[in-house]
Protein backbone atom coordinates (compact mmCIF):
# COMPACT_ATOMS: atom_id res chain seq x y z
CA UNK A 1 -10.90 -67.54 25.15
CA UNK A 2 -8.68 -70.69 26.35
CA UNK A 3 -6.00 -69.10 28.59
CA UNK A 4 -5.49 -67.71 34.10
CA UNK A 5 -6.90 -58.69 42.14
CA UNK A 6 -4.41 -57.24 41.43
CA UNK A 7 -2.35 -57.85 37.82
CA UNK A 8 1.34 -58.04 37.73
CA UNK A 9 3.76 -54.95 37.46
CA UNK A 10 3.70 -54.51 33.09
CA UNK A 11 6.49 -54.61 31.28
CA UNK A 12 8.31 -51.18 30.13
CA UNK A 13 7.38 -51.41 27.08
CA UNK A 14 4.16 -52.89 27.51
CA UNK A 15 3.55 -49.38 29.51
CA UNK A 16 4.50 -47.29 26.18
CA UNK A 17 2.08 -49.04 24.37
CA UNK A 18 -0.77 -48.66 27.10
CA UNK A 19 0.23 -44.65 26.78
CA UNK A 20 0.20 -44.75 23.27
CA UNK A 21 -3.26 -45.99 23.74
CA UNK A 22 -4.70 -43.52 25.69
CA UNK A 23 -3.05 -39.98 24.36
CA UNK A 24 -6.52 -39.59 21.91
CA UNK A 25 -7.81 -39.19 25.68
CA UNK A 26 -6.85 -35.35 24.76
CA UNK A 27 -9.43 -35.08 22.04
CA UNK A 28 -12.71 -33.44 23.80
CA UNK A 29 -14.67 -34.42 20.96
CA UNK A 30 -17.36 -37.15 21.92
CA UNK A 31 -16.14 -40.25 20.63
CA UNK A 32 -16.32 -44.15 21.77
CA UNK A 33 -13.01 -45.90 21.44
CA UNK A 34 -13.95 -49.67 20.30
CA UNK A 35 -11.06 -51.91 20.65
CA UNK A 36 -9.76 -55.44 20.18
CA UNK A 37 -7.43 -58.14 21.36
CA UNK A 38 -4.89 -59.41 18.95
CA UNK A 39 -6.37 -61.65 16.62
CA UNK A 40 -8.89 -62.70 13.72
CA UNK A 41 -12.07 -63.54 15.76
CA UNK A 42 -11.19 -60.52 17.98
CA UNK A 43 -10.75 -58.39 15.20
CA UNK A 44 -13.63 -59.33 13.12
CA UNK A 45 -15.80 -58.89 16.75
CA UNK A 46 -14.98 -55.74 17.00
CA UNK A 47 -15.32 -54.37 13.53
CA UNK A 48 -19.20 -55.79 14.18
CA UNK A 49 -19.20 -53.41 17.07
CA UNK A 50 -17.64 -50.34 15.56
CA UNK A 51 -20.33 -50.94 12.29
CA UNK A 52 -23.40 -51.22 14.47
CA UNK A 53 -22.34 -48.16 16.69
CA UNK A 54 -21.51 -46.25 13.82
CA UNK A 55 -25.00 -46.96 12.61
CA UNK A 56 -27.05 -46.62 15.81
CA UNK A 57 -25.43 -43.79 17.23
CA UNK A 58 -24.89 -40.32 16.75
CA UNK A 59 -21.24 -40.09 17.99
CA UNK A 60 -18.02 -40.50 16.28
CA UNK A 61 -16.73 -44.13 16.89
CA UNK A 62 -12.77 -45.08 16.88
CA UNK A 63 -11.17 -48.15 16.40
CA UNK A 64 -8.11 -49.78 18.33
CA UNK A 65 -8.53 -53.06 16.86
CA UNK A 66 -5.60 -55.84 16.78
CA UNK A 67 -4.71 -53.98 19.95
CA UNK A 68 -2.37 -56.56 21.62
CA UNK A 69 -3.34 -59.28 24.21
CA UNK A 70 -5.39 -59.63 27.16
CA UNK A 71 -3.42 -57.56 29.55
CA UNK A 72 -3.12 -54.69 27.88
CA UNK A 73 -7.04 -54.86 26.37
CA UNK A 74 -7.81 -54.94 30.18
CA UNK A 75 -5.28 -52.11 31.17
CA UNK A 76 -6.37 -49.78 28.53
CA UNK A 77 -10.24 -50.98 29.17
CA UNK A 78 -9.68 -49.57 33.21
CA UNK A 79 -7.47 -46.73 32.24
CA UNK A 80 -10.25 -45.49 30.55
CA UNK A 81 -7.79 -45.54 27.33
CA UNK A 82 -10.42 -47.48 25.57
CA UNK A 83 -14.62 -47.96 25.94
CA UNK A 84 -15.33 -51.47 25.42
CA UNK A 85 -13.86 -54.25 23.80
CA UNK A 86 -14.93 -58.21 23.35
CA UNK A 87 -13.93 -60.75 26.24
CA UNK A 88 -13.74 -64.29 27.35
CA UNK A 89 -15.68 -65.25 30.44
CA UNK A 90 -13.30 -67.83 31.27
CA UNK A 91 -10.30 -65.53 30.40
CA UNK A 92 -11.02 -62.66 32.87
CA UNK A 93 -11.63 -65.45 35.23
CA UNK A 94 -8.41 -67.01 35.43
CA UNK A 95 -6.02 -64.41 33.51
CA UNK A 96 -7.69 -61.13 35.17
CA UNK A 97 -8.81 -61.93 38.33
CA UNK A 98 -6.94 -64.93 39.37
CA UNK A 99 -9.70 -67.00 40.33
CA UNK A 100 -9.78 -71.04 39.84
CA UNK A 101 -11.81 -72.20 36.50
CA UNK A 102 -14.70 -72.93 36.45
CA UNK A 103 -17.21 -75.55 34.33
CA UNK A 104 -20.57 -73.74 34.90
CA UNK A 105 -21.25 -70.92 32.30
CA UNK A 106 -23.43 -69.13 34.43
CA UNK A 107 -21.57 -69.04 37.34
CA UNK A 108 -18.44 -67.64 35.18
CA UNK A 109 -20.39 -65.09 34.03
CA UNK A 110 -22.01 -63.68 37.11
CA UNK A 111 -18.65 -64.31 39.07
CA UNK A 112 -16.98 -61.68 36.40
CA UNK A 113 -20.04 -59.29 35.64
CA UNK A 114 -19.74 -58.85 39.54
CA UNK A 115 -16.14 -58.45 40.27
CA UNK A 116 -15.74 -56.03 37.19
CA UNK A 117 -18.42 -54.03 38.15
CA UNK A 118 -16.87 -53.99 41.62
CA UNK A 119 -13.64 -53.75 40.90
CA UNK A 120 -13.32 -50.91 38.33
CA UNK A 121 -16.91 -50.08 37.19
CA UNK A 122 -17.02 -52.33 34.36
CA UNK A 123 -20.51 -54.28 32.80
CA UNK A 124 -20.33 -57.28 31.02
CA UNK A 125 -23.27 -57.14 28.64
CA UNK A 126 -25.27 -60.51 27.97
CA UNK A 127 -22.81 -62.82 26.28
CA UNK A 128 -22.80 -62.92 22.29
CA UNK A 129 -23.61 -65.92 21.66
CA UNK A 130 -19.89 -67.59 21.06
CA UNK A 131 -18.36 -69.85 23.89
CA UNK A 132 -14.77 -70.15 22.15
CA UNK A 133 -13.69 -72.96 24.23
CA UNK A 134 -11.40 -76.47 23.45
CA UNK A 135 -12.89 -78.58 20.94
CA UNK A 136 -11.77 -82.88 20.22
CA UNK A 137 -12.45 -83.01 16.76
CA UNK A 138 -12.16 -86.24 14.74
CA UNK A 139 -12.65 -86.84 10.76
CA UNK A 140 -16.17 -86.53 9.30
CA UNK A 141 -15.99 -90.89 8.04
CA UNK A 142 -14.22 -91.74 11.71
CA UNK A 143 -17.50 -90.25 13.17
CA UNK A 144 -20.40 -91.56 11.28
CA UNK A 145 -18.40 -94.87 10.61
CA UNK A 146 -18.45 -95.55 14.61
CA UNK A 147 -21.81 -93.29 15.25
CA UNK A 148 -19.38 -91.17 17.54
CA UNK A 149 -21.01 -87.73 18.81
CA UNK A 150 -19.62 -87.45 22.11
CA UNK A 151 -16.12 -87.66 23.79
CA UNK A 152 -17.81 -90.50 25.94
CA UNK A 153 -18.54 -92.34 22.63
CA UNK A 154 -15.20 -92.27 21.23
CA UNK A 155 -13.73 -93.15 24.81
CA UNK A 156 -15.86 -96.58 23.88
CA UNK A 157 -13.23 -97.12 20.92
CA UNK A 158 -11.61 -99.96 21.76
CA UNK A 159 -8.66 -98.93 19.06
CA UNK A 160 -6.27 -95.89 20.55
CA UNK A 161 -6.29 -92.50 19.10
CA UNK A 162 -3.69 -90.77 17.90
CA UNK A 163 -4.04 -87.51 19.27
CA UNK A 164 -2.92 -84.41 17.78
CA UNK A 165 -2.45 -80.83 19.73
CA UNK A 166 -0.77 -77.44 20.12
CA UNK A 167 1.86 -77.28 22.67
CA UNK A 168 0.38 -75.66 25.34
CA UNK A 169 -2.59 -78.17 25.17
CA UNK A 170 -0.50 -80.66 27.25
CA UNK A 171 0.91 -78.58 30.08
CA UNK A 172 -2.21 -76.34 30.33
CA UNK A 173 -4.43 -77.54 34.05
CA UNK A 174 -7.56 -77.30 31.84
CA UNK A 175 -5.91 -79.20 29.44
CA UNK A 176 -4.45 -83.22 28.22
CA UNK A 177 -4.30 -84.48 31.90
CA UNK A 178 -7.44 -83.69 33.22
CA UNK A 179 -9.38 -84.64 30.06
CA UNK A 180 -7.59 -88.06 30.23
CA UNK A 181 -8.88 -88.33 33.64
CA UNK A 182 -11.97 -87.25 32.97
CA UNK A 183 -13.01 -89.51 29.64
CA UNK A 184 -9.79 -92.24 30.08
CA UNK A 185 -9.43 -92.18 26.45
CA UNK A 186 -7.39 -94.93 25.33
CA UNK A 187 -4.41 -93.30 22.90
CA UNK A 188 -1.83 -94.49 20.54
CA UNK A 189 1.80 -93.65 20.91
CA UNK A 190 2.62 -90.39 22.30
CA UNK A 191 0.58 -87.46 21.75
CA UNK A 192 1.77 -85.55 18.82
CA UNK A 193 2.31 -81.73 19.26
CA UNK A 194 2.50 -79.27 16.46
CA UNK A 195 1.77 -75.11 16.04
CA UNK A 196 -1.84 -74.50 15.91
CA UNK A 197 -2.14 -73.83 12.07
CA UNK A 198 -0.83 -77.91 11.11
CA UNK A 199 -2.83 -79.24 13.01
CA UNK A 200 -6.10 -79.74 10.25
CA UNK A 201 -3.55 -80.45 7.73
CA UNK A 202 -2.46 -83.57 10.23
CA UNK A 203 -5.45 -84.41 10.22
CA UNK A 204 -6.70 -84.86 6.81
CA UNK A 205 -3.20 -86.56 5.79
CA UNK A 206 -4.21 -88.79 8.26
CA UNK A 207 -1.20 -88.46 10.65
CA UNK A 208 -3.70 -88.08 13.82
CA UNK A 209 -6.86 -89.46 14.41
CA UNK A 210 -8.29 -87.04 16.83
CA UNK A 211 -7.04 -83.10 18.00
CA UNK A 212 -7.53 -80.61 20.96
CA UNK A 213 -8.78 -77.66 18.90
CA UNK A 214 -10.55 -74.45 19.31
CA UNK A 215 -14.33 -74.95 18.85
CA UNK A 216 -14.43 -71.27 16.42
CA UNK A 217 -11.65 -72.46 14.96
CA UNK A 218 -12.77 -71.36 10.74
CA UNK A 219 -10.95 -74.56 9.04
CA UNK A 220 -14.44 -76.10 11.19
CA UNK A 221 -16.42 -74.43 8.84
CA UNK A 222 -15.24 -76.45 5.31
CA UNK A 223 -13.58 -79.79 6.40
CA UNK A 224 -15.54 -82.91 6.79
CA UNK A 225 -14.88 -83.28 10.55
CA UNK A 226 -17.25 -83.19 14.15
CA UNK A 227 -16.66 -81.79 16.84
CA UNK A 228 -17.84 -84.08 19.74
CA UNK A 229 -19.85 -82.87 21.95
CA UNK A 230 -18.20 -82.58 26.04
CA UNK A 231 -20.69 -84.47 27.33
CA UNK A 232 -19.06 -84.65 31.09
CA UNK A 233 -18.99 -80.54 30.59
CA UNK A 234 -15.16 -80.97 30.92
CA UNK A 235 -13.46 -77.94 29.43
CA UNK A 236 -14.51 -74.68 31.05
CA UNK A 237 -16.65 -72.19 29.34
CA UNK A 238 -15.07 -69.34 27.35
CA UNK A 239 -18.36 -67.16 26.18
CA UNK A 240 -17.14 -63.77 24.16
CA UNK A 241 -19.29 -60.89 25.99
CA UNK A 242 -18.66 -57.23 25.35
CA UNK A 243 -16.85 -55.16 28.50
CA UNK A 244 -17.74 -51.54 28.69
CA UNK A 245 -16.72 -49.01 30.96
CA UNK A 246 -19.58 -47.42 32.79
CA UNK A 247 -18.50 -44.05 32.59
CA UNK A 248 -18.97 -44.67 28.95
CA UNK A 249 -22.49 -45.83 29.36
CA UNK A 250 -23.35 -42.34 31.07
CA UNK A 251 -21.28 -40.55 28.60
CA UNK A 252 -23.33 -42.15 25.28
CA UNK A 253 -27.20 -41.89 26.34
CA UNK A 254 -28.64 -45.20 23.91
CA UNK A 255 -24.84 -46.90 24.09
CA UNK A 256 -26.24 -50.10 26.39
CA UNK A 257 -29.12 -50.15 24.16
CA UNK A 258 -26.87 -50.47 21.47
CA UNK A 259 -24.78 -52.61 22.37
CA UNK A 260 -27.64 -55.22 23.79
CA UNK A 261 -28.43 -56.29 20.43
CA UNK A 262 -25.61 -57.91 19.62
CA UNK A 263 -26.26 -60.58 22.23
CA UNK A 264 -26.82 -63.65 21.30
CA UNK A 265 -26.37 -63.38 17.76
CA UNK A 266 -24.10 -65.08 17.32
CA UNK A 267 -23.22 -69.19 17.56
CA UNK A 268 -20.16 -70.93 17.33
CA UNK A 269 -20.82 -71.91 13.71
CA UNK A 270 -21.04 -68.21 12.93
CA UNK A 271 -17.74 -67.38 13.97
CA UNK A 272 -16.23 -70.40 12.27
CA UNK A 273 -17.88 -69.16 8.98
CA UNK A 274 -16.69 -65.51 9.59
CA UNK A 275 -13.29 -66.55 10.60
CA UNK A 276 -13.04 -68.65 8.01
CA UNK A 277 -13.71 -65.79 5.70
CA UNK A 278 -10.81 -63.98 6.54
CA UNK A 279 -8.26 -66.15 7.43
CA UNK A 280 -8.96 -68.92 4.59
CA UNK A 281 -10.29 -66.24 2.06
CA UNK A 282 -8.21 -63.68 3.04
CA UNK A 283 -11.20 -60.96 2.93
CA UNK A 284 -11.33 -57.58 4.26
CA UNK A 285 -12.63 -58.07 8.64
CA UNK A 286 -14.67 -54.77 7.89
CA UNK A 287 -16.37 -56.31 4.93
CA UNK A 288 -16.73 -59.88 6.70
CA UNK A 289 -18.13 -57.54 9.56
CA UNK A 290 -20.81 -55.56 7.67
CA UNK A 291 -21.90 -58.67 5.71
CA UNK A 292 -22.40 -60.15 8.63
CA UNK A 293 -24.17 -57.09 10.36
CA UNK A 294 -26.72 -57.27 7.07
CA UNK A 295 -27.56 -60.89 7.36
CA UNK A 296 -28.66 -59.83 10.84
CA UNK A 297 -30.71 -57.45 9.71
CA UNK A 298 -28.95 -54.63 11.44
CA UNK A 299 -27.34 -52.82 8.82
CA UNK A 300 -28.62 -52.01 5.50
CA UNK A 301 -27.34 -53.62 2.69
């Protein structure tokens, strides 16, 4: 997800949490530990992976979902506290590998895949089909009236845009400044920064005309809005793929083949709906994950 080798020294609390994650290693019973980071989309993806493996493999699947942030999940992976988790290519490139961002999805994936394999014997499988990058969003009525489909289309509008965004987007190297330089969008007044949870309400109420949101936000699946195509490919890719330890693949025959069955099964639109089922309708992640797998023919109803 939008986020930037050696990792910095971890604080004591983080190390304590990591030690807790690794405690089950004393259990000698064969198992595969599936983890996720600590937000809705990650927990859903982790649950999809866990249920799929439970269905496909004759081995105990242990969940470490909602584990924590990027650094904790990565450290747990490379220290064998967990076996696999879903990660974002752009996050791995910048936050873990400390490499400059790139706008080429294939190049980013190949670089991340190569670096992880050489540094930590971690394999990145083919992406799941989700690219959770930034998205410029306007009201559907506005889009239809002006036939606006791309950010370049929006830049041609003479009337300036009243833009809303989270606090981070205004400061990020792949955020507001670069967006304005790339597209020369006309603004009406200062941008409005707010908590991410308030963005769509501000758009609905007419307080802003354009949002800097995330492409898999659940609200995108239920509101009359349009995600403008990033036709100049300004935003870097944040494709989701499963990162799995090489030792785990060797220890569990069929694991790589089972995980590969999930590659390409998702899309931004599908992820939006899954996120909304949990965040908007407050349904359990396990139930939502099971229904997704059933819809793809990967799990019997």
